[in-house]
């Protein structure tokens, strides 16, 4: 089931990404290029992989991690991306796959990590609670 859900998330993201015009996407070589939201992880709730008990979790292709964090201020012009959060508010985030990392090694996300989230993103309702879905993210 998790693979099916993750596949749907990634297909949906790719469709949304392809539909954007070029002015909405920032290209470059810097790690933070294109980052619209920064989230400092405060809690890891659940994942499809085994938690080693050290406040961290492995993020791998095909996996999903549920976490909570605080939105960190950014210098990005928030008026260009409707729906992207800015400020120091709490956020529930569904992290799909291994973000912008290529290869099969995966990424370890731990409490205190700062994630840079790029578009496309969207909100979903999970048991009456709003969650931000992030498919293109990177550890900062």
N, C-alpha and C. Protein backbone atom coordinates (compact mmCIF):
# COMPACT_ATOMS: atom_id res chain seq x y z
N UNK A 1 0.83 -1.19 0.00
CA UNK A 1 0.00 0.00 0.00
C UNK A 1 0.87 1.26 0.00
N UNK A 2 1.93 1.29 0.82
CA UNK A 2 2.77 2.49 0.90
C UNK A 2 3.40 2.79 -0.46
N UNK A 3 3.82 1.75 -1.18
CA UNK A 3 4.43 1.97 -2.49
C UNK A 3 3.42 2.58 -3.45
N UNK A 4 2.16 2.10 -3.39
CA UNK A 4 1.11 2.63 -4.25
C UNK A 4 0.84 4.09 -3.93
N UNK A 5 0.72 4.42 -2.65
CA UNK A 5 0.47 5.80 -2.23
C UNK A 5 1.63 6.69 -2.65
N UNK A 6 2.86 6.23 -2.39
CA UNK A 6 4.03 7.03 -2.77
C UNK A 6 4.10 7.21 -4.27
N UNK A 7 3.80 6.17 -5.04
CA UNK A 7 3.81 6.28 -6.50
C UNK A 7 2.80 7.32 -6.96
N UNK A 8 1.61 7.33 -6.34
CA UNK A 8 0.60 8.31 -6.69
C UNK A 8 1.08 9.72 -6.35
N UNK A 9 1.71 9.88 -5.19
CA UNK A 9 2.20 11.19 -4.78
C UNK A 9 3.23 11.70 -5.78
N UNK A 10 4.17 10.85 -6.15
CA UNK A 10 5.23 11.26 -7.07
C UNK A 10 4.66 11.56 -8.45
N UNK A 11 3.70 10.73 -8.94
CA UNK A 11 3.08 11.00 -10.24
C UNK A 11 2.33 12.32 -10.22
N UNK A 12 1.62 12.58 -9.13
CA UNK A 12 0.87 13.83 -9.01
C UNK A 12 1.82 15.02 -8.98
N UNK A 13 2.92 14.88 -8.24
CA UNK A 13 3.90 15.96 -8.17
C UNK A 13 4.50 16.25 -9.53
N UNK A 14 4.84 15.20 -10.26
CA UNK A 14 5.42 15.40 -11.58
C UNK A 14 4.44 16.08 -12.53
N UNK A 15 3.17 15.74 -12.43
CA UNK A 15 2.15 16.38 -13.25
C UNK A 15 2.07 17.87 -12.93
N UNK A 16 2.02 18.20 -11.63
CA UNK A 16 1.96 19.60 -11.21
C UNK A 16 3.22 20.36 -11.60
N UNK A 17 4.36 19.71 -11.48
CA UNK A 17 5.64 20.34 -11.82
C UNK A 17 5.69 20.66 -13.31
N UNK A 18 5.24 19.72 -14.13
CA UNK A 18 5.29 19.92 -15.57
C UNK A 18 4.34 21.03 -16.01
N UNK A 19 3.27 21.25 -15.24
CA UNK A 19 2.27 22.25 -15.62
C UNK A 19 2.70 23.68 -15.27
N UNK A 20 3.75 23.84 -14.47
CA UNK A 20 4.20 25.17 -14.08
C UNK A 20 4.90 25.86 -15.24
N UNK A 21 4.80 27.19 -15.25
CA UNK A 21 5.60 27.89 -16.25
C UNK A 21 7.02 28.06 -15.70
N UNK A 22 7.94 28.38 -16.56
CA UNK A 22 9.35 28.42 -16.18
C UNK A 22 9.67 29.49 -15.16
N UNK A 23 8.82 30.52 -15.03
CA UNK A 23 9.10 31.59 -14.06
C UNK A 23 8.89 31.11 -12.62
N UNK A 24 8.16 30.00 -12.43
CA UNK A 24 7.89 29.51 -11.08
C UNK A 24 9.01 28.61 -10.56
N UNK A 25 9.91 28.19 -11.42
CA UNK A 25 10.97 27.27 -11.02
C UNK A 25 12.30 28.00 -11.04
N UNK A 26 13.05 27.84 -9.94
CA UNK A 26 14.36 28.48 -9.86
C UNK A 26 15.42 27.42 -10.12
N UNK A 27 16.28 27.65 -11.09
CA UNK A 27 17.35 26.71 -11.41
C UNK A 27 18.67 27.28 -10.96
N UNK A 28 19.56 26.44 -10.53
CA UNK A 28 20.87 26.92 -10.12
C UNK A 28 21.69 25.81 -9.51
N UNK A 29 22.85 26.18 -9.00
CA UNK A 29 23.76 25.19 -8.45
C UNK A 29 23.79 25.19 -6.93
N UNK A 30 23.27 26.25 -6.30
CA UNK A 30 23.28 26.34 -4.86
C UNK A 30 22.27 25.36 -4.26
N UNK A 31 22.65 24.77 -3.13
CA UNK A 31 21.81 23.78 -2.45
C UNK A 31 20.42 24.32 -2.14
N UNK A 32 20.34 25.62 -1.83
CA UNK A 32 19.06 26.20 -1.44
C UNK A 32 18.28 26.81 -2.60
N UNK A 33 18.80 26.73 -3.81
CA UNK A 33 18.07 27.27 -4.95
C UNK A 33 16.73 26.56 -5.09
N UNK A 34 15.68 27.34 -5.22
CA UNK A 34 14.35 26.80 -5.39
C UNK A 34 13.63 26.48 -4.10
N UNK A 35 14.31 26.59 -2.95
CA UNK A 35 13.67 26.28 -1.67
C UNK A 35 12.67 27.38 -1.35
N UNK A 36 11.43 26.99 -1.12
CA UNK A 36 10.36 27.94 -0.83
C UNK A 36 10.02 27.97 0.65
N UNK A 37 10.21 26.86 1.34
CA UNK A 37 9.88 26.75 2.76
C UNK A 37 10.99 25.98 3.46
N UNK A 38 11.39 26.47 4.63
CA UNK A 38 12.36 25.77 5.47
C UNK A 38 11.63 25.29 6.71
N UNK A 39 11.82 24.02 7.06
CA UNK A 39 11.13 23.43 8.21
C UNK A 39 12.16 22.78 9.13
N UNK A 40 12.19 23.23 10.41
CA UNK A 40 13.04 22.59 11.41
C UNK A 40 12.20 21.48 12.06
N UNK A 41 12.65 20.23 11.93
CA UNK A 41 11.91 19.07 12.43
C UNK A 41 11.98 19.03 13.96
N UNK A 42 10.80 18.92 14.59
CA UNK A 42 10.72 18.86 16.06
C UNK A 42 10.23 17.50 16.54
N UNK A 43 9.59 16.75 15.64
CA UNK A 43 9.04 15.45 16.04
C UNK A 43 8.89 14.55 14.82
N UNK A 44 9.30 13.31 14.95
CA UNK A 44 9.10 12.31 13.90
C UNK A 44 8.04 11.36 14.41
N UNK A 45 6.92 11.28 13.69
CA UNK A 45 5.76 10.56 14.19
C UNK A 45 5.70 9.11 13.75
N UNK A 46 5.92 8.88 12.46
CA UNK A 46 5.72 7.54 11.94
C UNK A 46 6.41 7.45 10.60
N UNK A 47 6.90 6.28 10.26
CA UNK A 47 7.48 6.11 8.93
C UNK A 47 7.29 4.68 8.48
N UNK A 48 7.59 4.44 7.22
CA UNK A 48 7.51 3.10 6.68
C UNK A 48 8.78 2.31 6.92
N UNK A 49 9.79 2.93 7.58
CA UNK A 49 11.04 2.23 7.85
C UNK A 49 11.25 2.12 9.35
N UNK A 50 12.15 1.28 9.75
CA UNK A 50 12.42 1.04 11.16
C UNK A 50 13.13 2.24 11.78
N UNK A 51 12.62 2.65 12.94
CA UNK A 51 13.24 3.76 13.66
C UNK A 51 14.27 3.18 14.63
N UNK A 52 15.51 3.66 14.59
CA UNK A 52 16.57 3.14 15.44
C UNK A 52 16.51 3.67 16.87
N UNK A 53 15.51 4.48 17.20
CA UNK A 53 15.36 4.98 18.54
C UNK A 53 16.28 6.14 18.88
N UNK A 54 17.00 6.69 17.89
CA UNK A 54 17.92 7.79 18.16
C UNK A 54 17.38 9.11 17.61
N UNK A 55 16.05 9.26 17.62
CA UNK A 55 15.40 10.48 17.13
C UNK A 55 15.69 10.76 15.67
N UNK A 56 15.95 9.72 14.90
CA UNK A 56 16.16 9.89 13.46
C UNK A 56 15.46 8.76 12.72
N UNK A 57 15.27 8.98 11.43
CA UNK A 57 14.61 7.98 10.60
C UNK A 57 15.23 8.01 9.21
N UNK A 58 15.29 6.85 8.57
CA UNK A 58 15.79 6.77 7.21
C UNK A 58 14.70 7.10 6.20
N UNK A 59 15.03 7.94 5.24
CA UNK A 59 14.11 8.30 4.15
C UNK A 59 14.65 7.68 2.88
N UNK A 60 13.89 6.76 2.29
CA UNK A 60 14.34 6.03 1.11
C UNK A 60 13.30 6.15 0.01
N UNK A 61 13.71 5.91 -1.22
CA UNK A 61 12.79 5.92 -2.36
C UNK A 61 11.63 4.97 -2.06
N UNK A 62 10.42 5.42 -2.30
CA UNK A 62 9.24 4.61 -2.06
C UNK A 62 8.70 4.71 -0.64
N UNK A 63 9.41 5.40 0.26
CA UNK A 63 8.97 5.51 1.64
C UNK A 63 8.30 6.84 1.93
N UNK A 64 7.63 6.90 3.06
CA UNK A 64 6.95 8.10 3.51
C UNK A 64 7.25 8.29 4.99
N UNK A 65 7.53 9.52 5.40
CA UNK A 65 7.78 9.85 6.80
C UNK A 65 6.82 10.96 7.21
N UNK A 66 6.18 10.79 8.36
CA UNK A 66 5.31 11.81 8.93
C UNK A 66 6.09 12.51 10.03
N UNK A 67 6.12 13.85 9.99
CA UNK A 67 6.87 14.60 10.99
C UNK A 67 6.16 15.92 11.29
N UNK A 68 6.62 16.56 12.36
CA UNK A 68 6.15 17.91 12.68
C UNK A 68 7.38 18.81 12.80
N UNK A 69 7.15 20.08 12.54
CA UNK A 69 8.26 21.02 12.65
C UNK A 69 7.76 22.44 12.71
N UNK A 70 8.71 23.36 12.74
CA UNK A 70 8.41 24.79 12.74
C UNK A 70 8.94 25.40 11.45
N UNK A 71 8.12 26.20 10.81
CA UNK A 71 8.52 26.90 9.60
C UNK A 71 9.54 27.96 10.00
N UNK A 72 10.67 27.97 9.30
CA UNK A 72 11.74 28.93 9.54
C UNK A 72 11.61 30.09 8.56
N UNK A 73 11.91 31.30 9.00
CA UNK A 73 11.83 32.44 8.08
C UNK A 73 12.79 32.26 6.90
N UNK A 74 12.35 32.70 5.71
CA UNK A 74 13.18 32.63 4.51
C UNK A 74 13.23 34.00 3.86
N UNK A 75 14.15 34.16 2.93
CA UNK A 75 14.25 35.42 2.20
C UNK A 75 13.46 35.35 0.90
N UNK A 76 12.82 34.23 0.65
CA UNK A 76 12.04 34.05 -0.58
C UNK A 76 10.83 34.98 -0.57
N UNK A 77 10.48 35.53 -1.71
CA UNK A 77 9.31 36.39 -1.85
C UNK A 77 8.05 35.52 -1.83
N UNK A 78 7.42 35.44 -0.67
CA UNK A 78 6.28 34.55 -0.49
C UNK A 78 5.10 34.90 -1.39
N UNK A 79 5.03 36.10 -1.89
CA UNK A 79 3.91 36.48 -2.74
C UNK A 79 3.93 35.73 -4.07
N UNK A 80 5.07 35.14 -4.43
CA UNK A 80 5.16 34.42 -5.70
C UNK A 80 4.62 33.00 -5.61
N UNK A 81 4.45 32.48 -4.40
CA UNK A 81 3.99 31.09 -4.26
C UNK A 81 2.83 31.04 -3.29
N UNK A 82 1.64 31.08 -3.80
CA UNK A 82 0.45 31.03 -2.95
C UNK A 82 0.41 29.70 -2.21
N UNK A 83 0.08 29.75 -0.94
CA UNK A 83 -0.06 28.53 -0.17
C UNK A 83 1.21 28.09 0.53
N UNK A 84 2.38 28.64 0.19
CA UNK A 84 3.62 28.28 0.87
C UNK A 84 3.68 29.06 2.18
N UNK A 85 4.03 28.38 3.25
CA UNK A 85 4.04 29.00 4.56
C UNK A 85 5.31 29.78 4.82
N UNK A 86 5.21 30.80 5.65
CA UNK A 86 6.36 31.58 6.06
C UNK A 86 6.10 32.06 7.48
N UNK A 87 7.10 32.09 8.32
CA UNK A 87 6.94 32.50 9.71
C UNK A 87 7.39 31.40 10.63
N UNK A 88 7.02 31.50 11.90
CA UNK A 88 7.44 30.49 12.88
C UNK A 88 6.25 29.68 13.35
N UNK A 89 5.46 29.18 12.41
CA UNK A 89 4.29 28.40 12.78
C UNK A 89 4.60 26.91 12.74
N UNK A 90 3.82 26.14 13.53
CA UNK A 90 4.00 24.70 13.54
C UNK A 90 3.38 24.11 12.27
N UNK A 91 3.99 23.05 11.79
CA UNK A 91 3.59 22.45 10.53
C UNK A 91 3.68 20.93 10.63
N UNK A 92 2.65 20.26 10.15
CA UNK A 92 2.69 18.80 9.98
C UNK A 92 3.09 18.55 8.54
N UNK A 93 4.10 17.69 8.35
CA UNK A 93 4.65 17.49 7.00
C UNK A 93 4.79 16.00 6.70
N UNK A 94 4.38 15.63 5.50
CA UNK A 94 4.54 14.27 5.00
C UNK A 94 5.70 14.33 4.01
N UNK A 95 6.81 13.67 4.35
CA UNK A 95 8.01 13.69 3.53
C UNK A 95 8.02 12.43 2.67
N UNK A 96 7.92 12.59 1.37
CA UNK A 96 7.87 11.44 0.47
C UNK A 96 9.24 11.16 -0.10
N UNK A 97 9.59 9.88 -0.14
CA UNK A 97 10.83 9.46 -0.77
C UNK A 97 12.08 9.95 -0.07
N UNK A 98 13.12 10.20 -0.85
CA UNK A 98 14.41 10.63 -0.30
C UNK A 98 14.76 12.04 -0.74
N UNK A 99 13.75 12.80 -1.14
CA UNK A 99 13.98 14.19 -1.51
C UNK A 99 14.82 14.32 -2.76
N UNK A 100 15.70 15.33 -2.77
CA UNK A 100 16.53 15.61 -3.93
C UNK A 100 17.77 14.74 -4.05
N UNK A 101 17.96 13.80 -3.13
CA UNK A 101 19.14 12.94 -3.15
C UNK A 101 18.96 11.86 -4.22
N UNK A 102 19.97 11.65 -5.01
CA UNK A 102 19.92 10.61 -6.04
C UNK A 102 20.75 9.42 -5.58
N UNK A 103 20.34 8.25 -6.00
CA UNK A 103 21.03 7.04 -5.59
C UNK A 103 20.16 6.25 -4.64
N UNK A 104 20.64 5.13 -4.16
CA UNK A 104 19.83 4.25 -3.33
C UNK A 104 20.17 4.31 -1.86
N UNK A 105 21.10 5.18 -1.47
CA UNK A 105 21.53 5.22 -0.08
C UNK A 105 20.54 5.82 0.88
N UNK A 106 19.63 6.64 0.42
CA UNK A 106 18.66 7.27 1.30
C UNK A 106 19.27 8.40 2.10
N UNK A 107 18.45 8.98 2.97
CA UNK A 107 18.84 10.12 3.79
C UNK A 107 18.33 9.89 5.21
N UNK A 108 19.11 10.28 6.22
CA UNK A 108 18.65 10.21 7.61
C UNK A 108 18.19 11.59 8.03
N UNK A 109 16.94 11.67 8.45
CA UNK A 109 16.38 12.90 8.97
C UNK A 109 16.22 12.72 10.47
N UNK A 110 16.68 13.71 11.23
CA UNK A 110 16.59 13.60 12.68
C UNK A 110 15.94 14.85 13.25
N UNK A 111 15.54 14.76 14.49
CA UNK A 111 14.97 15.91 15.17
C UNK A 111 16.04 17.00 15.21
N UNK A 112 15.65 18.19 14.80
CA UNK A 112 16.59 19.31 14.70
C UNK A 112 17.05 19.56 13.27
N UNK A 113 16.85 18.59 12.37
CA UNK A 113 17.22 18.79 10.96
C UNK A 113 16.37 19.91 10.36
N UNK A 114 16.95 20.64 9.41
CA UNK A 114 16.20 21.65 8.68
C UNK A 114 16.04 21.15 7.25
N UNK A 115 14.78 21.04 6.83
CA UNK A 115 14.47 20.61 5.47
C UNK A 115 14.17 21.84 4.62
N UNK A 116 14.72 21.88 3.43
CA UNK A 116 14.35 22.88 2.44
C UNK A 116 13.35 22.24 1.51
N UNK A 117 12.16 22.80 1.41
CA UNK A 117 11.08 22.23 0.60
C UNK A 117 10.88 23.09 -0.64
N UNK A 118 10.89 22.42 -1.80
CA UNK A 118 10.66 23.09 -3.08
C UNK A 118 9.25 22.76 -3.57
N UNK A 119 8.76 23.57 -4.50
CA UNK A 119 7.47 23.26 -5.12
C UNK A 119 7.67 22.14 -6.12
N UNK A 120 6.70 21.33 -6.39
CA UNK A 120 5.32 21.47 -5.97
C UNK A 120 5.09 20.90 -4.58
N UNK A 121 4.18 21.53 -3.85
CA UNK A 121 3.69 21.02 -2.58
C UNK A 121 2.18 21.15 -2.60
N UNK A 122 1.52 20.41 -1.75
CA UNK A 122 0.08 20.55 -1.62
C UNK A 122 -0.30 20.05 -0.23
N UNK A 123 -1.49 20.41 0.19
CA UNK A 123 -2.01 19.99 1.50
C UNK A 123 -2.94 18.82 1.31
N UNK A 124 -2.89 17.89 2.28
CA UNK A 124 -3.84 16.78 2.32
C UNK A 124 -4.43 16.74 3.72
N UNK A 125 -5.59 16.13 3.81
CA UNK A 125 -6.27 15.97 5.08
C UNK A 125 -6.06 14.53 5.54
N UNK A 126 -5.36 14.34 6.66
CA UNK A 126 -5.12 13.02 7.23
C UNK A 126 -5.84 12.97 8.57
N UNK A 127 -6.95 12.22 8.62
CA UNK A 127 -7.75 12.10 9.83
C UNK A 127 -8.12 13.46 10.43
N UNK A 128 -8.56 14.35 9.57
CA UNK A 128 -9.02 15.65 10.02
C UNK A 128 -7.93 16.67 10.30
N UNK A 129 -6.69 16.33 9.99
CA UNK A 129 -5.56 17.24 10.24
C UNK A 129 -4.89 17.59 8.91
N UNK A 130 -4.50 18.87 8.75
CA UNK A 130 -3.86 19.33 7.52
C UNK A 130 -2.37 18.99 7.54
N UNK A 131 -1.89 18.34 6.46
CA UNK A 131 -0.49 17.97 6.30
C UNK A 131 0.03 18.53 4.99
N UNK A 132 1.24 19.06 5.01
CA UNK A 132 1.91 19.51 3.80
C UNK A 132 2.66 18.33 3.20
N UNK A 133 2.42 18.03 1.92
CA UNK A 133 3.12 16.95 1.24
C UNK A 133 4.34 17.55 0.54
N UNK A 134 5.52 16.98 0.82
CA UNK A 134 6.78 17.45 0.23
C UNK A 134 7.44 16.30 -0.51
N UNK A 135 7.60 16.45 -1.82
CA UNK A 135 8.26 15.41 -2.62
C UNK A 135 9.64 15.86 -3.09
N UNK A 136 9.84 17.17 -3.19
CA UNK A 136 11.15 17.69 -3.59
C UNK A 136 11.70 18.49 -2.41
N UNK A 137 12.52 17.85 -1.60
CA UNK A 137 13.06 18.45 -0.39
C UNK A 137 14.52 18.07 -0.26
N UNK A 138 15.23 18.81 0.60
CA UNK A 138 16.65 18.56 0.79
C UNK A 138 17.03 18.93 2.22
N UNK A 139 18.00 18.23 2.78
CA UNK A 139 18.52 18.62 4.09
C UNK A 139 19.42 19.82 3.93
N UNK A 140 19.20 20.83 4.74
CA UNK A 140 20.02 22.06 4.69
C UNK A 140 21.02 22.06 5.83
